N, C-alpha and C. Protein backbone atom coordinates (compact mmCIF):
# COMPACT_ATOMS: atom_id res chain seq x y z
N MET A 1 105.12 83.11 77.69
CA MET A 1 104.75 83.62 78.09
C MET A 1 104.12 82.40 79.71
N GLU A 2 104.42 82.93 80.09
CA GLU A 2 103.44 82.40 81.91
C GLU A 2 103.49 82.94 82.40
N CYS A 3 102.03 82.41 83.47
CA CYS A 3 101.45 83.29 84.46
C CYS A 3 102.10 82.97 85.79
N VAL A 4 102.27 83.89 86.38
CA VAL A 4 103.10 84.18 87.53
C VAL A 4 102.40 84.40 88.86
N ARG A 5 101.77 83.57 90.14
CA ARG A 5 101.92 83.67 90.47
C ARG A 5 102.25 83.51 92.28
N PRO A 6 102.48 85.04 93.22
CA PRO A 6 102.69 84.43 94.09
C PRO A 6 102.31 83.24 95.13
N GLU A 7 103.96 82.94 95.57
CA GLU A 7 102.82 82.13 96.56
C GLU A 7 101.94 82.72 98.10
N ARG A 8 101.22 82.32 98.63
CA ARG A 8 100.23 83.03 99.72
C ARG A 8 100.57 81.72 100.67
N PRO A 9 100.62 82.36 102.13
CA PRO A 9 100.75 81.20 103.35
C PRO A 9 99.33 81.08 103.80
N ASP A 10 98.95 79.74 103.50
CA ASP A 10 98.23 78.56 103.99
C ASP A 10 97.70 78.58 105.61
N ASP A 11 97.07 79.85 106.05
CA ASP A 11 97.55 79.83 107.43
C ASP A 11 96.01 80.34 108.11
N GLY A 12 95.32 80.19 107.19
CA GLY A 12 93.70 80.16 107.21
C GLY A 12 93.00 81.45 107.54
N ALA A 13 94.08 82.85 107.25
CA ALA A 13 93.58 83.99 107.58
C ALA A 13 92.22 84.19 106.56
N ASP A 14 91.58 85.04 106.86
CA ASP A 14 90.75 85.53 105.96
C ASP A 14 91.25 86.69 104.91
N ARG A 15 91.27 86.56 103.85
CA ARG A 15 92.38 87.55 102.98
C ARG A 15 91.15 88.24 101.38
N ARG A 16 90.32 88.06 102.43
CA ARG A 16 89.38 88.93 100.88
C ARG A 16 89.72 89.78 100.23
N ALA A 17 89.30 90.68 99.18
CA ALA A 17 89.76 91.93 98.64
C ALA A 17 89.23 92.45 99.83
N PRO A 18 89.91 94.13 99.24
CA PRO A 18 88.82 95.01 100.47
C PRO A 18 87.98 95.67 99.41
N ARG A 19 87.14 95.97 99.92
CA ARG A 19 86.11 96.83 99.38
C ARG A 19 85.47 98.51 99.39
N LEU A 20 84.60 98.57 98.58
CA LEU A 20 84.71 100.23 98.76
C LEU A 20 83.61 100.23 99.30
N PRO A 21 82.89 101.44 99.65
CA PRO A 21 82.28 101.76 101.26
C PRO A 21 80.98 101.52 100.11
N ALA A 22 79.25 101.51 100.59
CA ALA A 22 77.94 101.37 100.04
C ALA A 22 77.82 103.30 99.67
N SER A 23 77.28 103.29 99.26
CA SER A 23 77.26 105.06 98.69
C SER A 23 76.38 105.97 99.58
N VAL A 24 76.53 106.88 99.88
CA VAL A 24 76.46 107.95 100.75
C VAL A 24 74.67 108.06 100.84
N ARG A 25 73.84 108.18 101.00
CA ARG A 25 72.53 109.04 100.94
C ARG A 25 72.10 110.12 101.06
N PHE A 26 73.38 111.32 101.22
CA PHE A 26 73.06 112.30 100.79
C PHE A 26 74.34 113.00 99.88
N PHE A 27 74.33 113.22 98.99
CA PHE A 27 75.46 113.79 98.31
C PHE A 27 75.34 114.85 97.46
N THR A 28 75.67 115.75 98.20
CA THR A 28 75.97 117.15 97.60
C THR A 28 77.00 117.99 97.42
N ASP A 29 76.67 118.87 96.91
CA ASP A 29 78.25 119.60 96.37
C ASP A 29 78.74 119.56 95.57
N ARG A 30 78.86 118.59 94.57
CA ARG A 30 80.34 117.83 93.75
C ARG A 30 79.60 117.97 92.76
N GLU A 31 79.21 118.74 92.56
CA GLU A 31 79.25 119.25 90.69
C GLU A 31 79.83 119.16 89.84
N GLY A 32 81.15 120.20 90.26
CA GLY A 32 82.23 119.73 89.70
C GLY A 32 82.79 119.37 89.83
N ALA A 33 83.29 118.47 90.81
CA ALA A 33 83.99 117.22 90.78
C ALA A 33 83.85 116.19 90.05
N MET A 34 82.72 116.07 89.84
CA MET A 34 81.32 114.79 89.10
C MET A 34 81.92 114.92 87.41
N LYS A 35 81.51 116.73 86.98
CA LYS A 35 81.84 116.92 86.01
C LYS A 35 83.41 116.78 85.40
N LEU A 36 84.51 117.02 86.09
CA LEU A 36 86.08 116.77 86.09
C LEU A 36 85.94 115.10 86.11
N LEU A 37 85.46 114.57 86.49
CA LEU A 37 85.54 112.91 85.98
C LEU A 37 84.52 112.14 85.19
N ASP A 38 83.89 113.10 84.13
CA ASP A 38 83.02 112.67 83.09
C ASP A 38 84.18 113.41 82.34
N ARG A 39 84.50 114.43 82.37
CA ARG A 39 85.61 115.08 81.11
C ARG A 39 86.41 113.89 81.16
N GLU A 40 87.47 113.01 82.17
CA GLU A 40 88.38 112.97 81.97
C GLU A 40 87.71 111.78 81.47
N ALA A 41 87.26 110.62 82.02
CA ALA A 41 86.22 109.32 81.43
C ALA A 41 86.28 109.23 79.73
N GLY A 42 85.50 110.40 79.44
CA GLY A 42 85.41 110.65 78.09
C GLY A 42 85.88 111.15 76.93
N ARG A 43 87.69 111.54 77.60
CA ARG A 43 88.45 111.90 76.98
C ARG A 43 89.45 110.79 76.25
N LYS A 44 89.63 110.89 74.29
CA LYS A 44 90.45 109.35 74.15
C LYS A 44 91.64 109.69 74.38
N ALA A 45 91.69 107.86 75.19
CA ALA A 45 93.06 107.46 75.71
C ALA A 45 93.94 107.83 74.60
N ASP A 46 93.97 107.55 73.39
CA ASP A 46 95.07 107.28 72.23
C ASP A 46 96.02 106.25 72.81
N GLY A 47 94.94 105.21 72.85
CA GLY A 47 95.69 103.82 73.60
C GLY A 47 96.85 104.03 74.94
N CYS A 48 97.07 104.68 75.46
CA CYS A 48 97.38 104.95 76.73
C CYS A 48 96.53 105.03 77.86
N PRO A 49 96.65 104.23 79.48
CA PRO A 49 95.40 104.09 80.09
C PRO A 49 95.71 105.47 80.87
N ARG A 50 94.42 105.95 81.29
CA ARG A 50 94.48 106.74 82.15
C ARG A 50 93.68 106.93 83.23
N VAL A 51 94.42 107.61 84.18
CA VAL A 51 94.35 106.99 85.94
C VAL A 51 93.55 108.85 86.56
N ALA A 52 93.03 108.68 87.21
CA ALA A 52 92.19 109.88 87.91
C ALA A 52 92.46 109.30 89.32
N LEU A 53 92.70 110.87 89.84
CA LEU A 53 92.94 110.56 91.45
C LEU A 53 92.73 111.47 92.15
N VAL A 54 91.72 110.87 92.75
CA VAL A 54 90.38 111.59 93.64
C VAL A 54 91.54 111.95 95.50
N TYR A 55 91.62 112.84 95.39
CA TYR A 55 92.34 112.97 97.01
C TYR A 55 91.79 113.99 97.70
N GLY A 56 92.16 114.08 98.75
CA GLY A 56 91.68 114.63 99.98
C GLY A 56 92.06 114.86 101.02
N ASP A 57 91.75 115.59 102.40
CA ASP A 57 91.90 115.32 103.88
C ASP A 57 90.61 113.57 103.97
N ASP A 58 91.37 113.52 105.46
CA ASP A 58 90.24 112.68 105.73
C ASP A 58 89.05 112.73 106.08
N ALA A 59 87.93 112.06 105.77
CA ALA A 59 86.48 112.50 106.17
C ALA A 59 86.07 113.83 104.74
N MET A 60 86.64 113.83 104.18
CA MET A 60 86.31 114.71 103.03
C MET A 60 85.52 114.36 102.00
N GLY A 61 84.98 113.31 101.89
CA GLY A 61 84.37 112.63 100.87
C GLY A 61 84.79 111.50 99.39
N THR A 62 86.29 111.67 99.46
CA THR A 62 86.83 111.37 98.11
C THR A 62 86.35 109.55 98.31
N SER A 63 86.31 109.09 98.71
CA SER A 63 85.28 107.46 98.53
C SER A 63 84.08 107.73 97.91
N ALA A 64 84.13 108.53 99.07
CA ALA A 64 81.94 108.54 98.82
C ALA A 64 81.75 108.76 96.90
N LEU A 65 82.75 109.64 97.09
CA LEU A 65 82.68 110.70 95.19
C LEU A 65 83.10 109.86 94.46
N ALA A 66 84.32 108.98 94.82
CA ALA A 66 84.55 107.69 93.59
C ALA A 66 83.21 106.20 93.39
N VAL A 67 82.63 106.36 94.86
CA VAL A 67 81.20 104.97 94.84
C VAL A 67 80.45 105.81 93.74
N HIS A 68 79.94 107.45 94.41
CA HIS A 68 79.11 107.59 93.44
C HIS A 68 79.20 108.54 92.37
N TRP A 69 80.20 108.58 91.89
CA TRP A 69 80.71 108.62 89.70
C TRP A 69 80.51 107.53 89.31
N SER A 70 81.33 106.37 90.13
CA SER A 70 81.53 104.66 89.33
C SER A 70 79.82 104.21 89.39
């Protein structure tokens, strides 16, 4: 087995990984969503990876929820 690494252009561009936003100062009314994420994280995986998709309209706080929960 070998590790394959894609070629990257050496054009001097800044290619840092995207970062999550900082946690918000006031985080309210998300107890239900937090409980769902807690329950999913605590569920037995049975050898299979799990993914929790947090979705919603723009500016609904989906990133804030993910950052706060993490």
